[in-house]
């Protein structure tokens, strides 16, 4: 995504983890599915990996909303 240049995903995930640890609140990630762009099996697997890695790294399971 173009926003990744200003806010790399790794930095956003780290900040969300710090916030979750500080507040005890799980973050909510909203993911918009775009037909033919990010709705394939590989995309689903990558999203699952991202969420599971976040949970392992930060000790909290984020909420996930698929739009």
Protein backbone atom coordinates (compact mmCIF):
# COMPACT_ATOMS: atom_id res chain seq x y z
CA UNK A 1 0.00 0.00 0.00
CA UNK A 2 1.21 3.56 -0.60
CA UNK A 3 0.87 4.38 3.12
CA UNK A 4 3.57 1.78 3.80
CA UNK A 5 6.19 4.35 2.77
CA UNK A 6 5.21 6.64 5.64
CA UNK A 7 4.14 3.95 8.11
CA UNK A 8 5.77 0.57 7.42
CA UNK A 9 3.59 -2.36 8.49
CA UNK A 10 6.27 -3.69 10.85
CA UNK A 11 6.33 -0.35 12.71
CA UNK A 12 2.54 -0.22 12.92
CA UNK A 13 2.41 -3.78 14.27
CA UNK A 14 5.08 -3.00 16.88
CA UNK A 15 3.22 0.14 18.00
CA UNK A 16 -0.03 -1.83 18.23
CA UNK A 17 1.76 -4.44 20.35
CA UNK A 18 3.20 -1.80 22.68
CA UNK A 19 -0.23 -0.26 23.07
CA UNK A 20 -1.82 -3.66 23.76
CA UNK A 21 0.75 -4.43 26.46
CA UNK A 22 0.36 -0.99 28.05
CA UNK A 23 -3.44 -0.99 28.09
CA UNK A 24 -4.31 -4.69 28.21
CA UNK A 25 -6.64 -4.16 25.25
CA UNK A 26 -6.41 -6.24 22.09
CA UNK A 27 -6.13 -4.22 18.88
CA UNK A 28 -8.71 -4.54 16.12
CA UNK A 29 -7.48 -4.97 12.60
CA UNK A 30 -9.91 -4.27 9.74
CA UNK A 31 -9.03 -5.79 6.38
CA UNK A 32 -10.93 -4.81 3.26
CA UNK A 33 -11.17 -7.54 0.65
CA UNK A 34 -10.87 -6.38 -2.95
CA UNK A 35 -11.91 -8.95 -5.56
CA UNK A 36 -8.91 -10.10 -7.54
CA UNK A 37 -6.43 -8.05 -5.49
CA UNK A 38 -6.23 -9.44 -1.96
CA UNK A 39 -8.91 -12.11 -1.68
CA UNK A 40 -6.99 -15.24 -2.70
CA UNK A 41 -5.84 -18.21 -0.68
CA UNK A 42 -2.27 -16.84 -0.49
CA UNK A 43 -3.62 -13.54 0.84
CA UNK A 44 -5.67 -15.35 3.49
CA UNK A 45 -2.63 -17.38 4.55
CA UNK A 46 -0.47 -14.24 4.79
CA UNK A 47 -3.11 -12.48 6.90
CA UNK A 48 -3.41 -15.49 9.19
CA UNK A 49 0.38 -15.58 9.58
CA UNK A 50 0.44 -11.87 10.41
CA UNK A 51 -2.25 -12.21 13.10
CA UNK A 52 -0.75 -15.39 14.60
CA UNK A 53 2.73 -13.85 14.66
CA UNK A 54 1.32 -10.78 16.41
CA UNK A 55 -0.34 -12.99 19.03
CA UNK A 56 2.86 -14.97 19.63
CA UNK A 57 5.05 -11.88 19.77
CA UNK A 58 2.85 -9.69 21.96
CA UNK A 59 0.87 -12.21 23.97
CA UNK A 60 -2.53 -10.88 22.93
CA UNK A 61 -4.82 -12.01 20.12
CA UNK A 62 -6.02 -9.12 17.97
CA UNK A 63 -9.59 -8.92 16.80
CA UNK A 64 -9.93 -9.20 13.04
CA UNK A 65 -12.71 -7.77 10.91
CA UNK A 66 -12.95 -8.73 7.25
CA UNK A 67 -14.86 -6.21 5.18
